[in-house]
C-alpha atoms as a PDB file:
ATOM      1  CA  UNK A   1     160.096 -17.462-187.349  1.00  0.00           C
ATOM      2  CA  UNK A   2     159.802 -19.048-183.918  1.00  0.00           C
ATOM      3  CA  UNK A   3     162.392 -20.922-181.849  1.00  0.00           C
ATOM      4  CA  UNK A   4     161.789 -23.436-179.071  1.00  0.00           C
ATOM      5  CA  UNK A   5     163.526 -25.493-176.441  1.00  0.00           C
ATOM      6  CA  UNK A   6     161.811 -28.607-175.088  1.00  0.00           C
ATOM      7  CA  UNK A   7     162.240 -29.852-171.533  1.00  0.00           C
ATOM      8  CA  UNK A   8     160.593 -32.069-168.959  1.00  0.00           C
ATOM      9  CA  UNK A   9     161.207 -29.225-166.483  1.00  0.00           C
ATOM     10  CA  UNK A  10     158.126 -27.010-165.967  1.00  0.00           C
ATOM     11  CA  UNK A  11     159.783 -24.063-164.253  1.00  0.00           C
ATOM     12  CA  UNK A  12     162.848 -22.908-166.179  1.00  0.00           C
ATOM     13  CA  UNK A  13     163.242 -19.150-165.700  1.00  0.00           C
ATOM     14  CA  UNK A  14     166.374 -18.872-167.849  1.00  0.00           C
ATOM     15  CA  UNK A  15     168.543 -21.157-169.959  1.00  0.00           C
ATOM     16  CA  UNK A  16     172.242 -20.995-169.159  1.00  0.00           C
ATOM     17  CA  UNK A  17     174.753 -22.142-171.779  1.00  0.00           C
ATOM     18  CA  UNK A  18     176.003 -25.652-171.003  1.00  0.00           C
ATOM     19  CA  UNK A  19     178.142 -28.248-172.664  1.00  0.00           C
ATOM     20  CA  UNK A  20     176.488 -31.181-174.409  1.00  0.00           C
ATOM     21  CA  UNK A  21     176.400 -34.250-172.159  1.00  0.00           C
ATOM     22  CA  UNK A  22     178.146 -36.442-174.699  1.00  0.00           C
ATOM     23  CA  UNK A  23     180.426 -34.452-177.026  1.00  0.00           C
ATOM     24  CA  UNK A  24     180.181 -35.279-180.726  1.00  0.00           C
ATOM     25  CA  UNK A  25     182.989 -35.571-183.224  1.00  0.00           C
ATOM     26  CA  UNK A  26     182.667 -32.248-185.056  1.00  0.00           C
ATOM     27  CA  UNK A  27     184.142 -31.218-188.401  1.00  0.00           C
ATOM     28  CA  UNK A  28     187.134 -28.903-188.346  1.00  0.00           C
ATOM     29  CA  UNK A  29     186.045 -25.424-187.329  1.00  0.00           C
ATOM     30  CA  UNK A  30     182.851 -26.692-185.679  1.00  0.00           C
ATOM     31  CA  UNK A  31     184.399 -27.992-182.432  1.00  0.00           C
ATOM     32  CA  UNK A  32     182.882 -24.984-180.649  1.00  0.00           C
ATOM     33  CA  UNK A  33     179.490 -26.744-180.892  1.00  0.00           C
ATOM     34  CA  UNK A  34     180.585 -28.885-177.923  1.00  0.00           C
ATOM     35  CA  UNK A  35     181.211 -25.697-175.884  1.00  0.00           C
ATOM     36  CA  UNK A  36     178.599 -24.244-173.507  1.00  0.00           C
ATOM     37  CA  UNK A  37     175.559 -23.246-175.583  1.00  0.00           C
ATOM     38  CA  UNK A  38     171.791 -22.907-175.375  1.00  0.00           C
ATOM     39  CA  UNK A  39     170.179 -25.013-178.095  1.00  0.00           C
ATOM     40  CA  UNK A  40     166.916 -24.263-179.896  1.00  0.00           C
ATOM     41  CA  UNK A  41     164.892 -25.738-182.744  1.00  0.00           C
ATOM     42  CA  UNK A  42     162.800 -23.837-185.271  1.00  0.00           C
ATOM     43  CA  UNK A  43     159.041 -24.384-185.573  1.00  0.00           C
ATOM     44  CA  UNK A  44     159.363 -26.355-188.833  1.00  0.00           C
ATOM     45  CA  UNK A  45     161.485 -28.989-187.076  1.00  0.00           C
ATOM     46  CA  UNK A  46     159.969 -28.935-183.577  1.00  0.00           C
ATOM     47  CA  UNK A  47     158.553 -32.443-184.087  1.00  0.00           C
ATOM     48  CA  UNK A  48     162.086 -33.749-183.522  1.00  0.00           C
ATOM     49  CA  UNK A  49     161.706 -32.958-179.807  1.00  0.00           C
ATOM     50  CA  UNK A  50     158.093 -33.994-179.134  1.00  0.00           C
ATOM     51  CA  UNK A  51     159.375 -37.003-177.196  1.00  0.00           C
ATOM     52  CA  UNK A  52     160.306 -37.948-173.655  1.00  0.00           C
ATOM     53  CA  UNK A  53     163.895 -36.760-173.177  1.00  0.00           C
ATOM     54  CA  UNK A  54     165.648 -40.126-173.401  1.00  0.00           C
ATOM     55  CA  UNK A  55     163.422 -41.647-176.098  1.00  0.00           C
ATOM     56  CA  UNK A  56     165.497 -42.946-179.015  1.00  0.00           C
ATOM     57  CA  UNK A  57     164.119 -41.930-182.394  1.00  0.00           C
ATOM     58  CA  UNK A  58     164.903 -41.636-186.059  1.00  0.00           C
ATOM     59  CA  UNK A  59     163.393 -38.792-188.060  1.00  0.00           C
ATOM     60  CA  UNK A  60     163.376 -38.542-191.835  1.00  0.00           C
ATOM     61  CA  UNK A  61     162.287 -36.054-194.490  1.00  0.00           C
ATOM     62  CA  UNK A  62     162.963 -35.377-198.146  1.00  0.00           C
ATOM     63  CA  UNK A  63     165.812 -33.159-199.335  1.00  0.00           C
ATOM     64  CA  UNK A  64     166.668 -31.774-202.757  1.00  0.00           C
ATOM     65  CA  UNK A  65     168.681 -34.990-203.316  1.00  0.00           C
ATOM     66  CA  UNK A  66     165.715 -37.271-202.573  1.00  0.00           C
ATOM     67  CA  UNK A  67     164.290 -38.957-205.663  1.00  0.00           C
ATOM     68  CA  UNK A  68     160.538 -38.899-206.126  1.00  0.00           C
ATOM     69  CA  UNK A  69     160.437 -42.706-205.898  1.00  0.00           C
ATOM     70  CA  UNK A  70     162.360 -42.653-202.611  1.00  0.00           C
ATOM     71  CA  UNK A  71     160.160 -39.899-201.207  1.00  0.00           C
ATOM     72  CA  UNK A  72     157.002 -41.789-202.136  1.00  0.00           C
ATOM     73  CA  UNK A  73     158.350 -45.070-200.743  1.00  0.00           C
ATOM     74  CA  UNK A  74     159.427 -43.674-197.375  1.00  0.00           C
ATOM     75  CA  UNK A  75     157.057 -40.751-196.840  1.00  0.00           C
ATOM     76  CA  UNK A  76     153.981 -41.231-199.006  1.00  0.00           C
ATOM     77  CA  UNK A  77     151.930 -38.065-198.536  1.00  0.00           C
ATOM     78  CA  UNK A  78     153.634 -37.097-195.253  1.00  0.00           C
ATOM     79  CA  UNK A  79     156.263 -34.343-195.085  1.00  0.00           C
ATOM     80  CA  UNK A  80     158.292 -36.357-192.561  1.00  0.00           C
ATOM     81  CA  UNK A  81     158.254 -39.546-190.486  1.00  0.00           C
ATOM     82  CA  UNK A  82     159.294 -40.228-186.893  1.00  0.00           C
ATOM     83  CA  UNK A  83     160.218 -43.768-185.838  1.00  0.00           C
ATOM     84  CA  UNK A  84     160.192 -44.945-182.215  1.00  0.00           C
ATOM     85  CA  UNK A  85     160.474 -48.349-180.610  1.00  0.00           C
ATOM     86  CA  UNK A  86     157.254 -49.946-179.396  1.00  0.00           C
ATOM     87  CA  UNK A  87     158.547 -50.036-175.815  1.00  0.00           C
ATOM     88  CA  UNK A  88     158.469 -46.195-175.772  1.00  0.00           C
ATOM     89  CA  UNK A  89     154.901 -45.741-177.017  1.00  0.00           C
ATOM     90  CA  UNK A  90     153.232 -45.854-173.591  1.00  0.00           C
ATOM     91  CA  UNK A  91     155.633 -43.249-172.237  1.00  0.00           C
ATOM     92  CA  UNK A  92     155.065 -41.088-175.331  1.00  0.00           C
ATOM     93  CA  UNK A  93     151.329 -41.200-174.670  1.00  0.00           C
ATOM     94  CA  UNK A  94     151.708 -40.445-170.936  1.00  0.00           C
ATOM     95  CA  UNK A  95     154.546 -37.894-170.809  1.00  0.00           C
ATOM     96  CA  UNK A  96     154.057 -34.146-170.499  1.00  0.00           C
ATOM     97  CA  UNK A  97     156.842 -31.964-171.831  1.00  0.00           C
ATOM     98  CA  UNK A  98     157.263 -28.210-171.845  1.00  0.00           C
ATOM     99  CA  UNK A  99     157.898 -26.146-174.951  1.00  0.00           C
ATOM    100  CA  UNK A 100     159.682 -22.903-174.174  1.00  0.00           C
ATOM    101  CA  UNK A 101     159.548 -20.211-176.827  1.00  0.00           C
ATOM    102  CA  UNK A 102     162.811 -18.289-177.048  1.00  0.00           C
ATOM    103  CA  UNK A 103     163.696 -14.842-178.453  1.00  0.00           C
ATOM    104  CA  UNK A 104     165.072 -15.252-181.981  1.00  0.00           C
ATOM    105  CA  UNK A 105     167.532 -12.358-181.719  1.00  0.00           C
ATOM    106  CA  UNK A 106     169.672 -14.260-179.183  1.00  0.00           C
ATOM    107  CA  UNK A 107     170.409 -17.130-181.600  1.00  0.00           C
ATOM    108  CA  UNK A 108     172.521 -17.992-184.620  1.00  0.00           C
ATOM    109  CA  UNK A 109     171.417 -20.455-187.294  1.00  0.00           C
ATOM    110  CA  UNK A 110     173.524 -23.590-187.699  1.00  0.00           C
ATOM    111  CA  UNK A 111     172.045 -24.239-191.140  1.00  0.00           C
ATOM    112  CA  UNK A 112     171.362 -27.839-190.093  1.00  0.00           C
ATOM    113  CA  UNK A 113     167.917 -29.356-189.529  1.00  0.00           C
ATOM    114  CA  UNK A 114     166.446 -26.258-187.895  1.00  0.00           C
ATOM    115  CA  UNK A 115     169.058 -26.074-185.133  1.00  0.00           C
ATOM    116  CA  UNK A 116     170.028 -22.729-183.593  1.00  0.00           C
ATOM    117  CA  UNK A 117     172.401 -21.861-180.735  1.00  0.00           C
ATOM    118  CA  UNK A 118     173.001 -18.995-178.335  1.00  0.00           C
ATOM    119  CA  UNK A 119     176.262 -18.444-176.500  1.00  0.00           C
ATOM    120  CA  UNK A 120     174.697 -16.450-173.645  1.00  0.00           C
ATOM    121  CA  UNK A 121     171.900 -16.796-171.103  1.00  0.00           C
ATOM    122  CA  UNK A 122     168.402 -16.838-172.655  1.00  0.00           C
ATOM    123  CA  UNK A 123     165.145 -15.947-170.898  1.00  0.00           C
ATOM    124  CA  UNK A 124     162.115 -17.716-172.403  1.00  0.00           C
ATOM    125  CA  UNK A 125     159.174 -15.719-173.732  1.00  0.00           C
ATOM    126  CA  UNK A 126     156.520 -18.339-173.013  1.00  0.00           C
ATOM    127  CA  UNK A 127     156.036 -21.935-171.780  1.00  0.00           C
ATOM    128  CA  UNK A 128     153.435 -24.371-173.063  1.00  0.00           C
ATOM    129  CA  UNK A 129     152.798 -27.798-171.506  1.00  0.00           C
ATOM    130  CA  UNK A 130     152.207 -30.512-174.105  1.00  0.00           C
ATOM    131  CA  UNK A 131     150.628 -33.856-173.189  1.00  0.00           C
ATOM    132  CA  UNK A 132     149.613 -36.853-175.324  1.00  0.00           C
ATOM    133  CA  UNK A 133     152.658 -36.360-177.496  1.00  0.00           C
ATOM    134  CA  UNK A 134     151.517 -39.122-179.850  1.00  0.00           C
ATOM    135  CA  UNK A 135     148.757 -36.787-181.070  1.00  0.00           C
ATOM    136  CA  UNK A 136     151.138 -33.925-181.952  1.00  0.00           C
ATOM    137  CA  UNK A 137     152.681 -35.403-185.099  1.00  0.00           C
ATOM    138  CA  UNK A 138     149.855 -35.740-187.635  1.00  0.00           C
ATOM    139  CA  UNK A 139     148.825 -32.049-187.406  1.00  0.00           C
ATOM    140  CA  UNK A 140     152.441 -31.213-188.319  1.00  0.00           C
ATOM    141  CA  UNK A 141     152.378 -33.507-191.368  1.00  0.00           C
ATOM    142  CA  UNK A 142     154.600 -36.066-189.637  1.00  0.00           C
ATOM    143  CA  UNK A 143     153.722 -39.742-189.482  1.00  0.00           C
ATOM    144  CA  UNK A 144     154.587 -41.436-186.181  1.00  0.00           C
ATOM    145  CA  UNK A 145     155.755 -44.984-186.911  1.00  0.00           C
ATOM    146  CA  UNK A 146     156.125 -47.492-184.104  1.00  0.00           C
ATOM    147  CA  UNK A 147     158.606 -50.303-184.780  1.00  0.00           C
ATOM    148  CA  UNK A 148     159.992 -53.160-182.730  1.00  0.00           C
ATOM    149  CA  UNK A 149     163.569 -52.017-183.340  1.00  0.00           C
ATOM    150  CA  UNK A 150     165.268 -48.965-184.824  1.00  0.00           C
ATOM    151  CA  UNK A 151     168.276 -51.025-185.877  1.00  0.00           C
ATOM    152  CA  UNK A 152     166.941 -52.020-189.337  1.00  0.00           C
ATOM    153  CA  UNK A 153     166.623 -48.309-190.116  1.00  0.00           C
ATOM    154  CA  UNK A 154     170.411 -47.821-190.080  1.00  0.00           C
ATOM    155  CA  UNK A 155     170.312 -48.272-193.862  1.00  0.00           C
ATOM    156  CA  UNK A 156     168.352 -45.018-194.218  1.00  0.00           C
ATOM    157  CA  UNK A 157     171.741 -43.310-194.201  1.00  0.00           C
ATOM    158  CA  UNK A 158     172.223 -44.703-197.716  1.00  0.00           C
ATOM    159  CA  UNK A 159     169.205 -42.852-199.103  1.00  0.00           C
ATOM    160  CA  UNK A 160     168.706 -39.306-200.355  1.00  0.00           C
ATOM    161  CA  UNK A 161     166.583 -38.535-197.289  1.00  0.00           C
ATOM    162  CA  UNK A 162     167.634 -36.370-194.389  1.00  0.00           C
ATOM    163  CA  UNK A 163     168.060 -38.748-191.444  1.00  0.00           C
ATOM    164  CA  UNK A 164     168.383 -37.586-187.841  1.00  0.00           C
ATOM    165  CA  UNK A 165     168.957 -40.065-185.039  1.00  0.00           C
ATOM    166  CA  UNK A 166     168.470 -38.813-181.488  1.00  0.00           C
ATOM    167  CA  UNK A 167     169.285 -40.696-178.262  1.00  0.00           C
ATOM    168  CA  UNK A 168     170.068 -43.840-180.247  1.00  0.00           C
ATOM    169  CA  UNK A 169     172.340 -45.035-177.430  1.00  0.00           C
ATOM    170  CA  UNK A 170     169.066 -45.761-175.580  1.00  0.00           C
ATOM    171  CA  UNK A 171     167.632 -47.928-178.360  1.00  0.00           C
ATOM    172  CA  UNK A 172     167.053 -51.551-177.472  1.00  0.00           C
ATOM    173  CA  UNK A 173     169.617 -53.170-179.772  1.00  0.00           C
ATOM    174  CA  UNK A 174     171.585 -50.264-181.198  1.00  0.00           C
ATOM    175  CA  UNK A 175     175.336 -50.816-181.398  1.00  0.00           C
END
């Protein structure tokens, strides 16, 4: 297994635990996830962070609760889909981000969408610059879908799909 952290910063020597910028409402017993942590994503879910930092996006994939009809309708032959607003496409094509590989032994699995956390300082193993982000999805089995607005996708929460929304506060007409 491999773990990564994505950043627009090209010269991070070590990741220090820090609080999330905007704390989330956490279930009882999970409030500590708003405490200072270093966050990482596993290789199977790294497509969730192949975006400019502030780019709003919705990512979907099938779960054990997803019906075959729903999976076919939303995913076709893809393993996942990533939706972005049209206004972000040019930046997605032009941005370079940096994927830092992190030592697995420093992290604990959250059991949620490939997310892992460390409570102490983490020194990266390797850094890889990634450009032309729009070309990174298809090789991972993820379809990049460009839409005028993410707002109509709010109803995806009523499906059997896993739905992750990231930076939605930056979406054009998100409420």
